[in-house]
C-alpha atoms as a PDB file:
ATOM      1  CA  ILE A   1       0.000   0.000   0.000  1.00  0.00           C
ATOM      2  CA  PRO A   2       1.456   3.420  -0.944  1.00  0.00           C
ATOM      3  CA  GLY A   3       2.718   5.684   1.844  1.00  0.00           C
ATOM      4  CA  ASN A   4       3.195   5.050   5.537  1.00  0.00           C
ATOM      5  CA  HIS A   5       0.048   5.298   7.633  1.00  0.00           C
ATOM      6  CA  LYS A   6      -0.486   4.201  11.214  1.00  0.00           C
ATOM      7  CA  LEU A   7      -4.160   3.304  11.386  1.00  0.00           C
ATOM      8  CA  ASP A   8      -6.429   1.500  13.760  1.00  0.00           C
ATOM      9  CA  PHE A   9      -6.620  -2.040  12.327  1.00  0.00           C
ATOM     10  CA  LYS A  10     -10.399  -2.259  12.614  1.00  0.00           C
ATOM     11  CA  LEU A  11     -10.818   1.074  10.856  1.00  0.00           C
ATOM     12  CA  TYR A  12      -8.176   0.054   8.336  1.00  0.00           C
ATOM     13  CA  THR A  13     -10.024  -3.112   7.294  1.00  0.00           C
ATOM     14  CA  GLU A  14     -13.352  -1.296   7.118  1.00  0.00           C
ATOM     15  CA  ARG A  15     -12.246   1.655   5.029  1.00  0.00           C
ATOM     16  CA  ILE A  16      -9.275   0.398   3.003  1.00  0.00           C
ATOM     17  CA  LEU A  17     -10.105  -2.849   1.241  1.00  0.00           C
ATOM     18  CA  ILE A  18      -7.840  -4.907  -1.035  1.00  0.00           C
ATOM     19  CA  ARG A  19      -9.764  -7.526  -3.007  1.00  0.00           C
ATOM     20  CA  SER A  20      -6.908  -8.192  -5.446  1.00  0.00           C
ATOM     21  CA  ALA A  21      -3.208  -7.332  -5.382  1.00  0.00           C
ATOM     22  CA  PRO A  22      -2.414  -3.847  -6.774  1.00  0.00           C
ATOM     23  CA  LEU A  23      -0.826  -3.932 -10.231  1.00  0.00           C
ATOM     24  CA  ALA A  24       0.873  -0.590  -9.666  1.00  0.00           C
ATOM     25  CA  ASP A  25       1.265   2.163  -7.097  1.00  0.00           C
ATOM     26  CA  VAL A  26      -0.861   5.274  -7.213  1.00  0.00           C
ATOM     27  CA  LYS A  27       1.137   7.635  -9.429  1.00  0.00           C
ATOM     28  CA  GLN A  28       0.009  10.780  -7.638  1.00  0.00           C
ATOM     29  CA  GLU A  29       1.146   9.892  -4.105  1.00  0.00           C
ATOM     30  CA  TYR A  30      -0.444  13.029  -2.671  1.00  0.00           C
ATOM     31  CA  VAL A  31      -3.813  11.762  -3.898  1.00  0.00           C
ATOM     32  CA  TRP A  32      -3.399   8.576  -1.882  1.00  0.00           C
ATOM     33  CA  ASP A  33      -2.147  10.350   1.253  1.00  0.00           C
ATOM     34  CA  ASP A  34      -4.921  12.919   1.189  1.00  0.00           C
ATOM     35  CA  LEU A  35      -7.636  10.342   0.563  1.00  0.00           C
ATOM     36  CA  VAL A  36      -6.436   8.141   3.420  1.00  0.00           C
ATOM     37  CA  GLU A  37      -6.678  11.177   5.691  1.00  0.00           C
ATOM     38  CA  ALA A  38     -10.141  12.018   4.385  1.00  0.00           C
ATOM     39  CA  VAL A  39     -11.497   8.463   4.649  1.00  0.00           C
ATOM     40  CA  VAL A  40     -10.158   7.898   8.155  1.00  0.00           C
ATOM     41  CA  HIS A  41     -10.996  11.330   9.566  1.00  0.00           C
ATOM     42  CA  GLU A  42     -14.293  11.688   7.686  1.00  0.00           C
ATOM     43  CA  LYS A  43     -13.466  14.843   5.746  1.00  0.00           C
ATOM     44  CA  VAL A  44     -15.171  16.132   2.623  1.00  0.00           C
ATOM     45  CA  VAL A  45     -12.911  16.256  -0.461  1.00  0.00           C
ATOM     46  CA  GLU A  46     -13.080  18.106  -3.755  1.00  0.00           C
ATOM     47  CA  PHE A  47     -11.384  17.068  -6.984  1.00  0.00           C
ATOM     48  CA  GLU A  48     -11.447  17.055 -10.761  1.00  0.00           C
ATOM     49  CA  HIS A  49     -12.229  13.681 -12.306  1.00  0.00           C
ATOM     50  CA  HIS A  50     -11.100  12.768 -15.821  1.00  0.00           C
ATOM     51  CA  ASN A  51     -13.612  10.157 -16.945  1.00  0.00           C
ATOM     52  CA  PRO A  52     -12.992   8.407 -20.299  1.00  0.00           C
ATOM     53  CA  PHE A  53     -16.752   8.180 -20.807  1.00  0.00           C
ATOM     54  CA  ARG A  54     -17.081  11.973 -20.807  1.00  0.00           C
ATOM     55  CA  GLU A  55     -15.493  14.543 -23.111  1.00  0.00           C
ATOM     56  CA  LYS A  56     -14.605  16.974 -20.332  1.00  0.00           C
ATOM     57  CA  PRO A  57     -13.437  16.458 -16.729  1.00  0.00           C
ATOM     58  CA  THR A  58     -16.020  16.974 -14.013  1.00  0.00           C
ATOM     59  CA  ASP A  59     -15.717  18.705 -10.643  1.00  0.00           C
ATOM     60  CA  TRP A  60     -16.826  16.765  -7.597  1.00  0.00           C
ATOM     61  CA  ARG A  61     -17.380  17.391  -3.893  1.00  0.00           C
ATOM     62  CA  VAL A  62     -17.735  14.032  -2.142  1.00  0.00           C
ATOM     63  CA  ARG A  63     -17.858  12.271   1.223  1.00  0.00           C
ATOM     64  CA  PRO A  64     -15.308   9.413   0.976  1.00  0.00           C
ATOM     65  CA  LEU A  65     -16.334   6.052   2.428  1.00  0.00           C
ATOM     66  CA  LEU A  66     -13.834   3.504   1.153  1.00  0.00           C
ATOM     67  CA  LEU A  67     -10.568   3.042  -0.716  1.00  0.00           C
ATOM     68  CA  LEU A  68     -10.871  -0.136  -2.757  1.00  0.00           C
ATOM     69  CA  CYS A  69      -8.359  -2.158  -4.757  1.00  0.00           C
ATOM     70  CA  GLU A  70     -10.374  -4.173  -7.284  1.00  0.00           C
ATOM     71  CA  GLU A  71      -9.031  -5.963 -10.372  1.00  0.00           C
ATOM     72  CA  GLY A  72      -5.569  -4.647  -9.431  1.00  0.00           C
ATOM     73  CA  ARG A  73      -6.506  -0.954  -9.455  1.00  0.00           C
ATOM     74  CA  TRP A  74      -7.459   1.589  -6.805  1.00  0.00           C
ATOM     75  CA  TYR A  75     -10.868   3.253  -6.546  1.00  0.00           C
ATOM     76  CA  LEU A  76     -12.565   5.693  -4.215  1.00  0.00           C
ATOM     77  CA  ILE A  77     -16.137   4.944  -3.168  1.00  0.00           C
ATOM     78  CA  ALA A  78     -17.887   8.071  -2.000  1.00  0.00           C
ATOM     79  CA  LEU A  79     -21.242   9.678  -1.373  1.00  0.00           C
ATOM     80  CA  THR A  80     -22.199  12.622  -3.565  1.00  0.00           C
ATOM     81  CA  ASP A  81     -25.089  15.015  -3.964  1.00  0.00           C
ATOM     82  CA  LYS A  82     -26.192  13.117  -7.089  1.00  0.00           C
ATOM     83  CA  GLY A  83     -28.192  10.537  -5.143  1.00  0.00           C
ATOM     84  CA  PRO A  84     -28.194   8.170  -2.153  1.00  0.00           C
ATOM     85  CA  ARG A  85     -26.039   5.471  -3.766  1.00  0.00           C
ATOM     86  CA  PRO A  86     -22.234   5.830  -3.522  1.00  0.00           C
ATOM     87  CA  LEU A  87     -20.229   6.252  -6.722  1.00  0.00           C
ATOM     88  CA  HIS A  88     -16.841   4.816  -7.683  1.00  0.00           C
ATOM     89  CA  PHE A  89     -13.978   7.027  -8.871  1.00  0.00           C
ATOM     90  CA  ALA A  90     -10.726   5.717 -10.366  1.00  0.00           C
ATOM     91  CA  LEU A  91      -7.810   7.145  -8.380  1.00  0.00           C
ATOM     92  CA  TRP A  92      -5.595   7.483 -11.454  1.00  0.00           C
ATOM     93  CA  ARG A  93      -8.171   9.832 -12.980  1.00  0.00           C
ATOM     94  CA  ILE A  94      -8.341  12.197  -9.998  1.00  0.00           C
ATOM     95  CA  ARG A  95      -6.649  15.598 -10.319  1.00  0.00           C
ATOM     96  CA  ALA A  96      -6.490  18.765  -8.211  1.00  0.00           C
ATOM     97  CA  LEU A  97      -7.544  16.949  -5.045  1.00  0.00           C
ATOM     98  CA  LYS A  98      -8.303  19.079  -1.996  1.00  0.00           C
ATOM     99  CA  VAL A  99      -9.186  17.906   1.504  1.00  0.00           C
ATOM    100  CA  THR A 100     -11.580  20.504   2.891  1.00  0.00           C
ATOM    101  CA  LYS A 101     -12.039  21.526   6.514  1.00  0.00           C
ATOM    102  CA  ASP A 102     -15.599  20.208   6.415  1.00  0.00           C
ATOM    103  CA  TYR A 103     -16.394  17.001   8.274  1.00  0.00           C
ATOM    104  CA  PHE A 104     -19.245  14.590   7.606  1.00  0.00           C
ATOM    105  CA  GLU A 105     -20.940  11.877   9.607  1.00  0.00           C
ATOM    106  CA  TYR A 106     -19.896   8.440   8.373  1.00  0.00           C
ATOM    107  CA  PRO A 107     -23.060   6.376   7.802  1.00  0.00           C
ATOM    108  CA  ASP A 108     -23.375   3.520  10.300  1.00  0.00           C
ATOM    109  CA  SER A 109     -25.337   1.538   7.728  1.00  0.00           C
ATOM    110  CA  PHE A 110     -22.481   1.385   5.218  1.00  0.00           C
ATOM    111  CA  ARG A 111     -20.574  -1.905   5.152  1.00  0.00           C
ATOM    112  CA  SER A 112     -18.039  -2.348   2.385  1.00  0.00           C
ATOM    113  CA  GLU A 113     -18.521  -6.084   1.805  1.00  0.00           C
ATOM    114  CA  THR A 114     -22.304  -5.766   1.853  1.00  0.00           C
ATOM    115  CA  TYR A 115     -22.211  -2.890  -0.608  1.00  0.00           C
ATOM    116  CA  LEU A 116     -19.770  -4.593  -2.969  1.00  0.00           C
ATOM    117  CA  SER A 117     -21.740  -7.835  -2.968  1.00  0.00           C
ATOM    118  CA  ARG A 118     -24.736  -6.113  -4.548  1.00  0.00           C
ATOM    119  CA  PRO A 119     -25.404  -6.407  -8.277  1.00  0.00           C
ATOM    120  CA  VAL A 120     -23.109  -4.485 -10.584  1.00  0.00           C
ATOM    121  CA  GLY A 121     -21.842  -1.146  -9.336  1.00  0.00           C
ATOM    122  CA  SER A 122     -20.723   1.757 -11.470  1.00  0.00           C
ATOM    123  CA  LEU A 123     -16.967   2.194 -11.780  1.00  0.00           C
ATOM    124  CA  ASP A 124     -17.085   5.920 -12.208  1.00  0.00           C
ATOM    125  CA  ASP A 125     -19.639   8.690 -12.528  1.00  0.00           C
ATOM    126  CA  ALA A 126     -20.578   7.570 -16.041  1.00  0.00           C
ATOM    127  CA  GLY A 127     -24.104   6.759 -17.108  1.00  0.00           C
ATOM    128  CA  LYS A 128     -25.140   3.855 -19.310  1.00  0.00           C
ATOM    129  CA  ILE A 129     -23.089   2.891 -22.352  1.00  0.00           C
ATOM    130  CA  GLN A 130     -23.841   0.906 -25.499  1.00  0.00           C
ATOM    131  CA  VAL A 131     -21.450  -2.052 -25.703  1.00  0.00           C
ATOM    132  CA  LEU A 132     -20.638  -4.211 -28.717  1.00  0.00           C
ATOM    133  CA  LEU A 133     -18.396  -7.246 -28.253  1.00  0.00           C
ATOM    134  CA  ARG A 134     -17.241  -9.397 -31.179  1.00  0.00           C
ATOM    135  CA  PHE A 135     -16.493 -13.072 -30.483  1.00  0.00           C
ATOM    136  CA  LYS A 136     -14.715 -15.755 -32.476  1.00  0.00           C
ATOM    137  CA  LYS A 137     -17.071 -18.284 -34.036  1.00  0.00           C
ATOM    138  CA  HIS A 138     -16.079 -21.238 -31.828  1.00  0.00           C
ATOM    139  CA  LEU A 139     -17.800 -19.487 -28.901  1.00  0.00           C
ATOM    140  CA  SER A 140     -21.229 -19.475 -30.554  1.00  0.00           C
ATOM    141  CA  GLU A 141     -22.646 -22.202 -28.325  1.00  0.00           C
ATOM    142  CA  LEU A 142     -21.369 -20.416 -25.209  1.00  0.00           C
ATOM    143  CA  LEU A 143     -23.047 -17.146 -26.176  1.00  0.00           C
ATOM    144  CA  TYR A 144     -26.386 -18.694 -27.061  1.00  0.00           C
ATOM    145  CA  GLU A 145     -26.680 -20.952 -24.015  1.00  0.00           C
ATOM    146  CA  ARG A 146     -27.278 -18.179 -21.460  1.00  0.00           C
ATOM    147  CA  GLU A 147     -28.109 -14.530 -21.011  1.00  0.00           C
ATOM    148  CA  TRP A 148     -24.930 -12.691 -20.128  1.00  0.00           C
ATOM    149  CA  PHE A 149     -26.519  -9.259 -19.886  1.00  0.00           C
ATOM    150  CA  PRO A 150     -30.146  -8.093 -19.602  1.00  0.00           C
ATOM    151  CA  GLN A 151     -31.764  -7.434 -22.990  1.00  0.00           C
ATOM    152  CA  GLN A 152     -28.655  -8.581 -24.852  1.00  0.00           C
ATOM    153  CA  LYS A 153     -28.717  -9.178 -28.601  1.00  0.00           C
ATOM    154  CA  VAL A 154     -26.625 -11.808 -30.369  1.00  0.00           C
ATOM    155  CA  LYS A 155     -26.047 -11.620 -34.124  1.00  0.00           C
ATOM    156  CA  GLN A 156     -23.954 -13.982 -36.229  1.00  0.00           C
ATOM    157  CA  ARG A 157     -21.821 -12.394 -38.943  1.00  0.00           C
ATOM    158  CA  ASN A 158     -21.162 -13.799 -42.419  1.00  0.00           C
ATOM    159  CA  ASP A 159     -17.644 -14.837 -41.402  1.00  0.00           C
ATOM    160  CA  GLY A 160     -18.985 -16.887 -38.457  1.00  0.00           C
ATOM    161  CA  ARG A 161     -18.033 -14.455 -35.715  1.00  0.00           C
ATOM    162  CA  LEU A 162     -20.743 -13.269 -33.339  1.00  0.00           C
ATOM    163  CA  ASP A 163     -21.663  -9.784 -32.128  1.00  0.00           C
ATOM    164  CA  LEU A 164     -23.019  -9.406 -28.602  1.00  0.00           C
ATOM    165  CA  SER A 165     -24.610  -6.011 -27.947  1.00  0.00           C
ATOM    166  CA  PHE A 166     -26.201  -4.633 -24.784  1.00  0.00           C
ATOM    167  CA  GLU A 167     -26.651  -1.521 -22.671  1.00  0.00           C
ATOM    168  CA  THR A 168     -25.014  -1.304 -19.251  1.00  0.00           C
ATOM    169  CA  THR A 169     -23.064   0.889 -16.854  1.00  0.00           C
ATOM    170  CA  PRO A 170     -19.260   0.455 -16.667  1.00  0.00           C
ATOM    171  CA  HIS A 171     -18.525  -1.951 -13.832  1.00  0.00           C
ATOM    172  CA  PHE A 172     -15.912  -4.282 -12.390  1.00  0.00           C
ATOM    173  CA  ARG A 173     -17.539  -7.487 -13.598  1.00  0.00           C
ATOM    174  CA  LEU A 174     -17.751  -6.269 -17.174  1.00  0.00           C
ATOM    175  CA  MET A 175     -14.001  -5.676 -17.369  1.00  0.00           C
ATOM    176  CA  SER A 176     -13.295  -8.967 -15.592  1.00  0.00           C
ATOM    177  CA  LEU A 177     -15.585 -10.871 -17.947  1.00  0.00           C
ATOM    178  CA  ILE A 178     -13.932  -9.395 -21.035  1.00  0.00           C
ATOM    179  CA  LEU A 179     -10.482 -10.255 -19.696  1.00  0.00           C
ATOM    180  CA  ASN A 180     -11.586 -13.820 -18.953  1.00  0.00           C
ATOM    181  CA  TRP A 181     -12.561 -14.279 -22.604  1.00  0.00           C
ATOM    182  CA  GLY A 182      -9.058 -13.161 -23.577  1.00  0.00           C
ATOM    183  CA  ALA A 183      -8.167 -13.083 -27.285  1.00  0.00           C
ATOM    184  CA  ASP A 184     -11.513 -14.650 -28.218  1.00  0.00           C
ATOM    185  CA  VAL A 185     -13.325 -11.327 -27.880  1.00  0.00           C
ATOM    186  CA  GLU A 186     -12.794  -7.803 -29.212  1.00  0.00           C
ATOM    187  CA  VAL A 187     -14.427  -4.672 -27.807  1.00  0.00           C
ATOM    188  CA  ILE A 188     -15.876  -2.846 -30.818  1.00  0.00           C
ATOM    189  CA  ARG A 189     -17.571  -0.044 -28.909  1.00  0.00           C
ATOM    190  CA  PRO A 190     -17.470   2.186 -27.074  1.00  0.00           C
ATOM    191  CA  THR A 191     -13.937   3.367 -27.817  1.00  0.00           C
ATOM    192  CA  SER A 192     -13.671   4.516 -24.208  1.00  0.00           C
ATOM    193  CA  LEU A 193     -14.041   0.902 -23.033  1.00  0.00           C
ATOM    194  CA  ARG A 194     -11.376  -0.167 -25.546  1.00  0.00           C
ATOM    195  CA  ARG A 195      -9.010   2.427 -24.059  1.00  0.00           C
ATOM    196  CA  GLU A 196      -9.828   1.252 -20.542  1.00  0.00           C
ATOM    197  CA  LEU A 197      -9.023  -2.314 -21.554  1.00  0.00           C
ATOM    198  CA  VAL A 198      -5.737  -1.290 -23.187  1.00  0.00           C
ATOM    199  CA  GLU A 199      -4.688   0.540 -20.010  1.00  0.00           C
ATOM    200  CA  HIS A 200      -5.537  -2.471 -17.871  1.00  0.00           C
ATOM    201  CA  ILE A 201      -3.627  -4.882 -20.116  1.00  0.00           C
ATOM    202  CA  ALA A 202      -0.621  -2.514 -20.125  1.00  0.00           C
ATOM    203  CA  ALA A 203      -0.645  -2.501 -16.321  1.00  0.00           C
ATOM    204  CA  ILE A 204      -0.615  -6.307 -16.301  1.00  0.00           C
ATOM    205  CA  GLN A 205       2.255  -6.393 -18.833  1.00  0.00           C
ATOM    206  CA  GLY A 206       4.224  -4.033 -16.603  1.00  0.00           C
ATOM    207  CA  VAL A 207       4.228  -6.640 -13.845  1.00  0.00           C
ATOM    208  CA  TYR A 208       5.966  -9.214 -16.082  1.00  0.00           C
ATOM    209  CA  ARG A 209       8.663  -7.058 -17.650  1.00  0.00           C
END
């Protein structure tokens, strides 16, 4: 874990959760240090978030609940004024972070494992996206035998490959599922998801150099 922080172990396990080994350190160390302070001491933070699913960065004022390492990368889970459900923010996309002097009351009802065990959660502040995945023809039986995503559509191409299209929000399981299919699938759209996948694969390659 980046930095040196002496934390109460109970608080540590509740508010800093590692579900898979980090593939790389947080590049902006100040971001990590400041977020640890904010999560532990229940301080409101402000930052600029560069989301690949949006053309321009967005400004946020949030109440941080959890630092999470999922699929090898670090995320902040925080409450916002956009609704009652916490949102996920990728740490490597956070810029101009500021820990304010404002405190908030940490919700007693929030439990990290309970929250993360719910159906698909949004990775960032993005809305729904239209996804098109193209599979090699030997996976046709696999695609037809079950519903992978609600309201999915499967179409076989003239060359035997299959297109799987659906609408969803970006989430951990989507990226994990695509990686599990390996070279047998290609992300056709959106281009933002292709970029996200390229970044993730590059991080994995960096481990084995």
